[in-house]
Amino acid sequence: MKKPFVDINAIRETQEAVRKQPELGKVTFKINGKATGGLAAVSQTGPLLQNGQADEARNGKSSLISDEPVALLGTDTGMNPAEHVLHALAGCYTVTLAAMAASKGIDLNELELDLSFDIDLNGFLGLDKSVRKGAQAIKVDVKMSSDAASRAQLEELIRELPNNSPIHDTLANPVKIATRLV
């Protein structure tokens, strides 16, 4: 028997818990990033903060290495920051699409994403002030199939995706970022 992408009952239970106690919906994810030499860094998960409580079980549980490719002066020991942004979007799109499909009774057979991050280094390197330092474009190609859903139903999921993905919302809309020296 094929394992479903997501348990719709678990989603509905979470929705109901947050509906009854809206403060449960206020969550803070934390990581700690530390330079490891050259252009490399390592980040580790911190505690998950929810409803004023810290879940310390996540503290240091997972880590990611960030570096630049050799062509961009790094040592290529990990994904670069742009690839981490794409990873975050891919992860969020996967969760969101699986949950959206389950909520519509669509059992997915396959879900695969190819993402790209276009950047013009003339902006980052300060060579052309008219070029933004960040991404010029992010593109996502989704390969998704279902024995029970039509192509039109799958296309509808893709159309609804930007309105449901927290990471898409974060990337597509201004968000306050506070940076300080401590």
N, C-alpha and C. Protein backbone atom coordinates (compact mmCIF):
# COMPACT_ATOMS: atom_id res chain seq x y z
N MET A 1 0.84 -1.19 0.00
CA MET A 1 0.00 0.00 0.00
C MET A 1 0.88 1.25 0.00
N LYS A 2 0.56 2.18 -0.86
CA LYS A 2 1.34 3.42 -0.99
C LYS A 2 1.09 4.33 0.21
N LYS A 3 2.18 4.86 0.75
CA LYS A 3 2.08 5.79 1.88
C LYS A 3 1.68 7.17 1.35
N PRO A 4 0.66 7.81 1.95
CA PRO A 4 0.27 9.15 1.48
C PRO A 4 1.36 10.17 1.79
N PHE A 5 1.38 11.25 1.00
CA PHE A 5 2.37 12.31 1.21
C PHE A 5 2.16 12.96 2.58
N VAL A 6 0.91 13.14 2.99
CA VAL A 6 0.61 13.80 4.25
C VAL A 6 -0.70 13.25 4.81
N ASP A 7 -0.79 13.21 6.12
CA ASP A 7 -1.99 12.71 6.79
C ASP A 7 -2.96 13.87 6.98
N ILE A 8 -4.03 13.89 6.20
CA ILE A 8 -4.99 14.98 6.26
C ILE A 8 -5.63 15.08 7.63
N ASN A 9 -5.80 13.97 8.32
CA ASN A 9 -6.39 14.02 9.67
C ASN A 9 -5.47 14.75 10.64
N ALA A 10 -4.17 14.56 10.51
CA ALA A 10 -3.22 15.28 11.36
C ALA A 10 -3.28 16.78 11.08
N ILE A 11 -3.42 17.15 9.82
CA ILE A 11 -3.54 18.56 9.46
C ILE A 11 -4.81 19.14 10.08
N ARG A 12 -5.91 18.42 9.95
CA ARG A 12 -7.18 18.92 10.49
C ARG A 12 -7.13 19.03 12.01
N GLU A 13 -6.46 18.08 12.69
CA GLU A 13 -6.31 18.16 14.14
C GLU A 13 -5.49 19.39 14.53
N THR A 14 -4.44 19.68 13.77
CA THR A 14 -3.62 20.86 14.04
C THR A 14 -4.43 22.13 13.81
N GLN A 15 -5.19 22.16 12.71
CA GLN A 15 -6.05 23.32 12.42
C GLN A 15 -7.03 23.55 13.57
N GLU A 16 -7.63 22.49 14.04
CA GLU A 16 -8.62 22.62 15.11
C GLU A 16 -7.97 23.09 16.41
N ALA A 17 -6.79 22.57 16.73
CA ALA A 17 -6.09 23.00 17.94
C ALA A 17 -5.76 24.48 17.89
N VAL A 18 -5.28 24.96 16.73
CA VAL A 18 -4.95 26.38 16.58
C VAL A 18 -6.22 27.23 16.55
N ARG A 19 -7.29 26.69 15.96
CA ARG A 19 -8.57 27.42 15.95
C ARG A 19 -9.04 27.66 17.38
N LYS A 20 -8.91 26.63 18.23
CA LYS A 20 -9.36 26.74 19.62
C LYS A 20 -8.42 27.60 20.46
N GLN A 21 -7.12 27.53 20.15
CA GLN A 21 -6.11 28.30 20.89
C GLN A 21 -5.21 29.01 19.88
N PRO A 22 -5.63 30.17 19.38
CA PRO A 22 -4.86 30.87 18.34
C PRO A 22 -3.41 31.13 18.71
N GLU A 23 -3.10 31.26 19.98
CA GLU A 23 -1.71 31.50 20.38
C GLU A 23 -0.78 30.33 20.01
N LEU A 24 -1.35 29.15 19.79
CA LEU A 24 -0.53 28.00 19.36
C LEU A 24 0.02 28.23 17.94
N GLY A 25 -0.60 29.11 17.19
CA GLY A 25 -0.15 29.40 15.84
C GLY A 25 1.05 30.33 15.78
N LYS A 26 1.43 30.92 16.89
CA LYS A 26 2.58 31.83 16.93
C LYS A 26 3.83 31.01 17.21
N VAL A 27 4.66 30.83 16.17
CA VAL A 27 5.84 29.98 16.26
C VAL A 27 7.06 30.77 15.80
N THR A 28 8.17 30.57 16.47
CA THR A 28 9.43 31.18 16.06
C THR A 28 10.45 30.07 15.83
N PHE A 29 11.00 30.04 14.61
CA PHE A 29 12.08 29.12 14.29
C PHE A 29 13.39 29.85 14.52
N LYS A 30 14.38 29.16 15.06
CA LYS A 30 15.67 29.80 15.33
C LYS A 30 16.80 28.92 14.80
N ILE A 31 17.85 29.57 14.33
CA ILE A 31 19.09 28.86 14.01
C ILE A 31 20.25 29.69 14.53
N ASN A 32 21.38 29.06 14.68
CA ASN A 32 22.62 29.74 15.03
C ASN A 32 23.60 29.50 13.90
N GLY A 33 24.12 30.57 13.33
CA GLY A 33 25.09 30.47 12.24
C GLY A 33 26.45 30.92 12.70
N LYS A 34 27.48 30.20 12.28
CA LYS A 34 28.84 30.52 12.69
C LYS A 34 29.79 30.35 11.52
N ALA A 35 30.62 31.37 11.27
CA ALA A 35 31.63 31.28 10.22
C ALA A 35 32.64 30.20 10.59
N THR A 36 33.05 29.44 9.59
CA THR A 36 34.02 28.36 9.84
C THR A 36 35.32 28.58 9.07
N GLY A 37 35.48 29.75 8.48
CA GLY A 37 36.70 30.06 7.74
C GLY A 37 36.40 30.25 6.27
N GLY A 38 37.14 31.16 5.64
CA GLY A 38 36.87 31.47 4.24
C GLY A 38 35.47 32.00 4.11
N LEU A 39 34.73 31.51 3.15
CA LEU A 39 33.35 31.93 2.95
C LEU A 39 32.34 30.93 3.50
N ALA A 40 32.82 29.95 4.25
CA ALA A 40 31.96 28.87 4.76
C ALA A 40 31.36 29.23 6.12
N ALA A 41 30.20 28.65 6.37
CA ALA A 41 29.52 28.81 7.65
C ALA A 41 28.74 27.53 7.94
N VAL A 42 28.48 27.31 9.21
CA VAL A 42 27.61 26.20 9.60
C VAL A 42 26.48 26.79 10.43
N SER A 43 25.28 26.34 10.17
CA SER A 43 24.10 26.75 10.93
C SER A 43 23.48 25.54 11.57
N GLN A 44 23.04 25.72 12.81
CA GLN A 44 22.37 24.63 13.54
C GLN A 44 21.02 25.11 14.02
N THR A 45 20.08 24.19 14.05
CA THR A 45 18.75 24.54 14.55
C THR A 45 18.86 24.94 16.01
N GLY A 46 18.02 25.89 16.36
CA GLY A 46 17.87 26.31 17.74
C GLY A 46 16.57 25.76 18.28
N PRO A 47 16.17 26.21 19.45
CA PRO A 47 14.90 25.74 20.00
C PRO A 47 13.73 26.28 19.17
N LEU A 48 12.66 25.53 19.11
CA LEU A 48 11.42 25.99 18.48
C LEU A 48 10.62 26.68 19.56
N LEU A 49 10.26 27.93 19.32
CA LEU A 49 9.49 28.69 20.31
C LEU A 49 8.03 28.71 19.89
N GLN A 50 7.17 28.24 20.80
CA GLN A 50 5.74 28.22 20.52
C GLN A 50 4.99 28.53 21.80
N ASN A 51 4.11 29.50 21.70
CA ASN A 51 3.26 29.86 22.83
C ASN A 51 4.10 30.18 24.07
N GLY A 52 5.22 30.86 23.87
CA GLY A 52 6.07 31.25 24.99
C GLY A 52 6.93 30.13 25.56
N GLN A 53 6.86 28.97 24.96
CA GLN A 53 7.62 27.82 25.44
C GLN A 53 8.70 27.44 24.43
N ALA A 54 9.87 27.06 24.92
CA ALA A 54 10.97 26.65 24.04
C ALA A 54 11.06 25.13 24.02
N ASP A 55 11.02 24.58 22.81
CA ASP A 55 11.23 23.14 22.62
C ASP A 55 12.72 22.95 22.38
N GLU A 56 13.46 22.64 23.43
CA GLU A 56 14.91 22.51 23.35
C GLU A 56 15.35 21.24 22.61
N ALA A 57 14.43 20.32 22.35
CA ALA A 57 14.78 19.07 21.67
C ALA A 57 15.33 19.34 20.26
N ARG A 58 14.95 20.44 19.66
CA ARG A 58 15.43 20.78 18.31
C ARG A 58 16.78 21.48 18.34
N ASN A 59 17.20 21.95 19.49
CA ASN A 59 18.44 22.71 19.62
C ASN A 59 19.63 21.87 19.18
N GLY A 60 20.27 22.27 18.07
CA GLY A 60 21.44 21.55 17.56
C GLY A 60 21.12 20.24 16.87
N LYS A 61 19.85 19.94 16.65
CA LYS A 61 19.46 18.65 16.07
C LYS A 61 19.86 18.52 14.61
N SER A 62 19.75 19.61 13.86
CA SER A 62 20.09 19.58 12.44
C SER A 62 21.06 20.70 12.12
N SER A 63 21.90 20.45 11.11
CA SER A 63 22.84 21.50 10.72
C SER A 63 22.96 21.56 9.20
N LEU A 64 23.35 22.72 8.73
CA LEU A 64 23.56 22.97 7.31
C LEU A 64 24.90 23.66 7.13
N ILE A 65 25.60 23.30 6.09
CA ILE A 65 26.87 23.95 5.76
C ILE A 65 26.62 24.86 4.56
N SER A 66 27.16 26.05 4.65
CA SER A 66 27.03 27.03 3.56
C SER A 66 28.43 27.40 3.10
N ASP A 67 28.62 27.45 1.80
CA ASP A 67 29.89 27.85 1.21
C ASP A 67 29.58 28.32 -0.21
N GLU A 68 30.55 28.83 -0.86
CA GLU A 68 30.40 29.25 -2.25
C GLU A 68 31.16 28.27 -3.14
N PRO A 69 30.74 28.16 -4.41
CA PRO A 69 31.51 27.34 -5.35
C PRO A 69 32.92 27.92 -5.52
N VAL A 70 33.83 27.09 -5.94
CA VAL A 70 35.20 27.53 -6.17
C VAL A 70 35.24 28.72 -7.13
N ALA A 71 34.40 28.69 -8.16
CA ALA A 71 34.37 29.78 -9.15
C ALA A 71 33.98 31.11 -8.51
N LEU A 72 33.33 31.06 -7.33
CA LEU A 72 32.93 32.29 -6.64
C LEU A 72 33.72 32.47 -5.34
N LEU A 73 34.97 31.93 -5.33
CA LEU A 73 35.96 32.12 -4.27
C LEU A 73 35.73 31.30 -3.01
N GLY A 74 34.84 30.33 -3.07
CA GLY A 74 34.63 29.45 -1.92
C GLY A 74 35.41 28.16 -2.07
N THR A 75 35.11 27.21 -1.20
CA THR A 75 35.75 25.89 -1.26
C THR A 75 34.75 24.79 -1.58
N ASP A 76 33.50 25.18 -1.86
CA ASP A 76 32.44 24.26 -2.30
C ASP A 76 32.20 23.12 -1.32
N THR A 77 32.20 23.44 -0.01
CA THR A 77 31.95 22.41 1.00
C THR A 77 30.47 22.27 1.35
N GLY A 78 29.62 23.11 0.76
CA GLY A 78 28.20 23.04 1.03
C GLY A 78 27.44 23.89 0.03
N MET A 79 26.14 23.87 0.13
CA MET A 79 25.30 24.70 -0.74
C MET A 79 25.58 26.16 -0.44
N ASN A 80 25.46 27.02 -1.47
CA ASN A 80 25.65 28.44 -1.21
C ASN A 80 24.34 29.04 -0.70
N PRO A 81 24.36 30.28 -0.19
CA PRO A 81 23.13 30.86 0.36
C PRO A 81 21.95 30.88 -0.62
N ALA A 82 22.20 31.14 -1.90
CA ALA A 82 21.10 31.12 -2.88
C ALA A 82 20.47 29.73 -2.95
N GLU A 83 21.30 28.70 -2.91
CA GLU A 83 20.78 27.33 -2.94
C GLU A 83 20.01 27.01 -1.65
N HIS A 84 20.43 27.59 -0.53
CA HIS A 84 19.66 27.41 0.71
C HIS A 84 18.29 28.07 0.60
N VAL A 85 18.21 29.24 -0.05
CA VAL A 85 16.92 29.90 -0.27
C VAL A 85 16.04 28.99 -1.13
N LEU A 86 16.62 28.43 -2.20
CA LEU A 86 15.86 27.51 -3.05
C LEU A 86 15.42 26.27 -2.28
N HIS A 87 16.30 25.77 -1.41
CA HIS A 87 15.96 24.61 -0.59
C HIS A 87 14.78 24.93 0.32
N ALA A 88 14.80 26.13 0.93
CA ALA A 88 13.70 26.53 1.80
C ALA A 88 12.39 26.61 1.00
N LEU A 89 12.45 27.20 -0.19
CA LEU A 89 11.25 27.30 -1.01
C LEU A 89 10.78 25.92 -1.46
N ALA A 90 11.71 25.06 -1.87
CA ALA A 90 11.34 23.70 -2.29
C ALA A 90 10.70 22.93 -1.14
N GLY A 91 11.26 23.06 0.05
CA GLY A 91 10.70 22.37 1.21
C GLY A 91 9.30 22.87 1.53
N CYS A 92 9.14 24.19 1.51
CA CYS A 92 7.83 24.76 1.81
C CYS A 92 6.81 24.40 0.74
N TYR A 93 7.22 24.48 -0.53
CA TYR A 93 6.30 24.11 -1.61
C TYR A 93 5.89 22.64 -1.50
N THR A 94 6.81 21.78 -1.13
CA THR A 94 6.49 20.36 -0.98
C THR A 94 5.44 20.16 0.11
N VAL A 95 5.69 20.76 1.27
CA VAL A 95 4.74 20.64 2.39
C VAL A 95 3.38 21.22 2.00
N THR A 96 3.42 22.42 1.40
CA THR A 96 2.18 23.12 1.07
C THR A 96 1.38 22.38 0.00
N LEU A 97 2.05 21.93 -1.06
CA LEU A 97 1.34 21.20 -2.11
C LEU A 97 0.76 19.89 -1.59
N ALA A 98 1.54 19.16 -0.79
CA ALA A 98 1.04 17.90 -0.24
C ALA A 98 -0.17 18.13 0.65
N ALA A 99 -0.12 19.18 1.47
CA ALA A 99 -1.26 19.48 2.35
C ALA A 99 -2.47 19.95 1.55
N MET A 100 -2.24 20.80 0.56
CA MET A 100 -3.35 21.28 -0.28
C MET A 100 -4.01 20.11 -1.03
N ALA A 101 -3.19 19.23 -1.57
CA ALA A 101 -3.72 18.08 -2.30
C ALA A 101 -4.54 17.20 -1.36
N ALA A 102 -3.99 16.93 -0.19
CA ALA A 102 -4.71 16.08 0.77
C ALA A 102 -6.04 16.72 1.17
N SER A 103 -6.05 18.03 1.37
CA SER A 103 -7.29 18.69 1.77
C SER A 103 -8.36 18.63 0.69
N LYS A 104 -7.94 18.43 -0.58
CA LYS A 104 -8.88 18.32 -1.69
C LYS A 104 -9.15 16.85 -2.06
N GLY A 105 -8.60 15.92 -1.25
CA GLY A 105 -8.80 14.51 -1.52
C GLY A 105 -7.98 13.99 -2.68
N ILE A 106 -6.92 14.68 -3.03
CA ILE A 106 -6.06 14.26 -4.13
C ILE A 106 -4.87 13.50 -3.57
N ASP A 107 -4.74 12.26 -3.96
CA ASP A 107 -3.62 11.42 -3.54
C ASP A 107 -2.52 11.55 -4.60
N LEU A 108 -1.39 12.11 -4.21
CA LEU A 108 -0.29 12.31 -5.16
C LEU A 108 0.56 11.06 -5.31
N ASN A 109 1.00 10.81 -6.54
CA ASN A 109 1.94 9.73 -6.82
C ASN A 109 3.38 10.24 -6.75
N GLU A 110 3.56 11.48 -7.19
CA GLU A 110 4.90 12.01 -7.35
C GLU A 110 4.84 13.52 -7.17
N LEU A 111 5.90 14.05 -6.56
CA LEU A 111 6.05 15.50 -6.41
C LEU A 111 7.53 15.80 -6.44
N GLU A 112 7.95 16.53 -7.47
CA GLU A 112 9.36 16.86 -7.65
C GLU A 112 9.45 18.30 -8.14
N LEU A 113 10.43 19.04 -7.64
CA LEU A 113 10.59 20.44 -8.02
C LEU A 113 12.00 20.70 -8.53
N ASP A 114 12.10 21.48 -9.59
CA ASP A 114 13.38 21.99 -10.09
C ASP A 114 13.31 23.50 -9.95
N LEU A 115 14.28 24.06 -9.21
CA LEU A 115 14.27 25.48 -8.91
C LEU A 115 15.54 26.14 -9.42
N SER A 116 15.44 27.41 -9.78
CA SER A 116 16.62 28.16 -10.18
C SER A 116 16.55 29.58 -9.60
N PHE A 117 17.71 30.13 -9.32
CA PHE A 117 17.88 31.45 -8.70
C PHE A 117 18.80 32.23 -9.62
N ASP A 118 18.26 33.20 -10.34
CA ASP A 118 19.05 34.01 -11.26
C ASP A 118 19.55 35.26 -10.54
N ILE A 119 20.85 35.49 -10.59
CA ILE A 119 21.45 36.65 -9.94
C ILE A 119 22.47 37.28 -10.89
N ASP A 120 22.58 38.58 -10.83
CA ASP A 120 23.59 39.31 -11.58
C ASP A 120 24.62 39.79 -10.57
N LEU A 121 25.81 39.20 -10.58
CA LEU A 121 26.84 39.53 -9.60
C LEU A 121 27.34 40.96 -9.73
N ASN A 122 27.02 41.65 -10.82
CA ASN A 122 27.39 43.05 -10.94
C ASN A 122 26.76 43.89 -9.82
N GLY A 123 25.60 43.49 -9.36
CA GLY A 123 24.96 44.18 -8.24
C GLY A 123 25.64 43.86 -6.93
N PHE A 124 25.80 42.58 -6.61
CA PHE A 124 26.44 42.17 -5.35
C PHE A 124 27.85 42.71 -5.23
N LEU A 125 28.60 42.68 -6.31
CA LEU A 125 30.00 43.13 -6.28
C LEU A 125 30.14 44.66 -6.34
N GLY A 126 29.01 45.36 -6.43
CA GLY A 126 29.04 46.81 -6.43
C GLY A 126 29.54 47.42 -7.73
N LEU A 127 29.51 46.66 -8.81
CA LEU A 127 30.01 47.14 -10.09
C LEU A 127 28.97 47.92 -10.87
N ASP A 128 27.70 47.71 -10.58
CA ASP A 128 26.62 48.42 -11.27
C ASP A 128 25.53 48.71 -10.24
N LYS A 129 25.43 49.95 -9.85
CA LYS A 129 24.47 50.36 -8.80
C LYS A 129 23.02 50.19 -9.24
N SER A 130 22.78 50.07 -10.54
CA SER A 130 21.40 49.92 -11.03
C SER A 130 20.92 48.47 -10.96
N VAL A 131 21.82 47.54 -10.62
CA VAL A 131 21.47 46.11 -10.55
C VAL A 131 21.26 45.73 -9.09
N ARG A 132 20.13 45.14 -8.78
CA ARG A 132 19.87 44.74 -7.40
C ARG A 132 20.85 43.66 -6.97
N LYS A 133 21.12 43.59 -5.68
CA LYS A 133 22.09 42.64 -5.14
C LYS A 133 21.51 41.23 -5.03
N GLY A 134 20.20 41.13 -4.95
CA GLY A 134 19.55 39.85 -4.79
C GLY A 134 19.12 39.22 -6.09
N ALA A 135 18.24 38.27 -5.96
CA ALA A 135 17.77 37.50 -7.12
C ALA A 135 17.07 38.40 -8.14
N GLN A 136 17.35 38.13 -9.40
CA GLN A 136 16.63 38.76 -10.50
C GLN A 136 15.32 38.00 -10.74
N ALA A 137 15.38 36.69 -10.52
CA ALA A 137 14.20 35.83 -10.70
C ALA A 137 14.44 34.50 -9.99
N ILE A 138 13.36 33.92 -9.53
CA ILE A 138 13.36 32.54 -9.02
C ILE A 138 12.31 31.81 -9.85
N LYS A 139 12.71 30.66 -10.40
CA LYS A 139 11.80 29.88 -11.23
C LYS A 139 11.62 28.50 -10.60
N VAL A 140 10.40 28.00 -10.66
CA VAL A 140 10.10 26.68 -10.09
C VAL A 140 9.30 25.88 -11.12
N ASP A 141 9.83 24.72 -11.49
CA ASP A 141 9.10 23.78 -12.33
C ASP A 141 8.67 22.62 -11.43
N VAL A 142 7.38 22.33 -11.44
CA VAL A 142 6.82 21.29 -10.58
C VAL A 142 6.41 20.10 -11.43
N LYS A 143 6.90 18.93 -11.04
CA LYS A 143 6.47 17.68 -11.66
C LYS A 143 5.60 16.98 -10.60
N MET A 144 4.33 16.82 -10.94
CA MET A 144 3.39 16.27 -9.97
C MET A 144 2.41 15.38 -10.72
N SER A 145 2.10 14.23 -10.14
CA SER A 145 1.13 13.35 -10.79
C SER A 145 0.23 12.70 -9.75
N SER A 146 -0.94 12.30 -10.23
CA SER A 146 -1.93 11.64 -9.39
C SER A 146 -2.79 10.77 -10.28
N ASP A 147 -3.06 9.56 -9.83
CA ASP A 147 -3.96 8.69 -10.58
C ASP A 147 -5.40 9.18 -10.50
N ALA A 148 -5.73 9.91 -9.43
CA ALA A 148 -7.12 10.29 -9.19
C ALA A 148 -7.45 11.72 -9.59
N ALA A 149 -6.44 12.52 -9.98
CA ALA A 149 -6.70 13.93 -10.29
C ALA A 149 -6.39 14.22 -11.76
N SER A 150 -7.15 15.13 -12.31
CA SER A 150 -6.91 15.55 -13.69
C SER A 150 -5.77 16.57 -13.72
N ARG A 151 -5.26 16.82 -14.91
CA ARG A 151 -4.23 17.84 -15.07
C ARG A 151 -4.77 19.20 -14.62
N ALA A 152 -6.03 19.48 -14.92
CA ALA A 152 -6.64 20.75 -14.53
C ALA A 152 -6.65 20.90 -13.00
N GLN A 153 -6.92 19.82 -12.28
CA GLN A 153 -6.91 19.88 -10.81
C GLN A 153 -5.50 20.13 -10.29
N LEU A 154 -4.51 19.50 -10.91
CA LEU A 154 -3.12 19.71 -10.50
C LEU A 154 -2.68 21.14 -10.81
N GLU A 155 -3.09 21.66 -11.97
CA GLU A 155 -2.77 23.04 -12.33
C GLU A 155 -3.41 24.03 -11.36
N GLU A 156 -4.60 23.70 -10.88
CA GLU A 156 -5.26 24.56 -9.89
C GLU A 156 -4.45 24.61 -8.60
N LEU A 157 -3.89 23.48 -8.19
CA LEU A 157 -3.03 23.47 -7.00
C LEU A 157 -1.83 24.40 -7.19
N ILE A 158 -1.23 24.37 -8.37
CA ILE A 158 -0.08 25.22 -8.66
C ILE A 158 -0.49 26.70 -8.63
N ARG A 159 -1.65 27.02 -9.17
CA ARG A 159 -2.14 28.41 -9.15
C ARG A 159 -2.37 28.89 -7.72
N GLU A 160 -2.87 28.02 -6.85
CA GLU A 160 -3.17 28.39 -5.47
C GLU A 160 -1.93 28.39 -4.58
N LEU A 161 -0.86 27.75 -5.03
CA LEU A 161 0.35 27.58 -4.21
C LEU A 161 0.92 28.89 -3.68
N PRO A 162 1.13 29.92 -4.50
CA PRO A 162 1.72 31.15 -3.96
C PRO A 162 0.92 31.78 -2.82
N ASN A 163 -0.39 31.60 -2.84
CA ASN A 163 -1.22 32.18 -1.79
C ASN A 163 -1.23 31.36 -0.50
N ASN A 164 -0.62 30.20 -0.52
CA ASN A 164 -0.64 29.31 0.64
C ASN A 164 0.73 29.01 1.23
N SER A 165 1.80 29.31 0.52
CA SER A 165 3.15 28.98 0.97
C SER A 165 3.77 30.10 1.82
N PRO A 166 4.09 29.82 3.08
CA PRO A 166 4.73 30.85 3.93
C PRO A 166 6.08 31.34 3.39
N ILE A 167 6.87 30.46 2.82
CA ILE A 167 8.17 30.89 2.31
C ILE A 167 8.00 31.71 1.03
N HIS A 168 7.06 31.33 0.19
CA HIS A 168 6.77 32.16 -0.99
C HIS A 168 6.36 33.56 -0.53
N ASP A 169 5.46 33.63 0.44
CA ASP A 169 5.00 34.91 0.96
C ASP A 169 6.18 35.72 1.50
N THR A 170 7.08 35.07 2.21
CA THR A 170 8.25 35.75 2.79
C THR A 170 9.15 36.31 1.70
N LEU A 171 9.37 35.55 0.64
CA LEU A 171 10.24 36.00 -0.45
C LEU A 171 9.58 37.06 -1.33
N ALA A 172 8.28 36.96 -1.53
CA ALA A 172 7.59 37.82 -2.49
C ALA A 172 7.14 39.15 -1.89
N ASN A 173 7.12 39.26 -0.57
CA ASN A 173 6.61 40.46 0.07
C ASN A 173 7.62 40.99 1.08
N PRO A 174 7.64 42.31 1.27
CA PRO A 174 8.59 42.86 2.25
C PRO A 174 8.35 42.27 3.64
N VAL A 175 9.45 41.99 4.31
CA VAL A 175 9.40 41.50 5.68
C VAL A 175 10.43 42.28 6.49
N LYS A 176 10.07 42.65 7.67
CA LYS A 176 10.99 43.40 8.52
C LYS A 176 12.12 42.47 8.97
N ILE A 177 13.35 42.89 8.72
CA ILE A 177 14.52 42.15 9.17
C ILE A 177 15.32 43.09 10.07
N ALA A 178 15.48 42.70 11.31
CA ALA A 178 16.23 43.50 12.28
C ALA A 178 17.58 42.85 12.48
N THR A 179 18.64 43.58 12.16
CA THR A 179 20.01 43.08 12.33
C THR A 179 20.72 44.00 13.30
N ARG A 180 21.37 43.41 14.31
CA ARG A 180 22.03 44.22 15.32
C ARG A 180 23.31 43.54 15.80
N LEU A 181 24.22 44.33 16.30
CA LEU A 181 25.44 43.81 16.90
C LEU A 181 25.17 43.59 18.37
N VAL A 182 25.44 42.39 18.85
CA VAL A 182 25.21 42.08 20.27
C VAL A 182 26.53 41.82 20.97
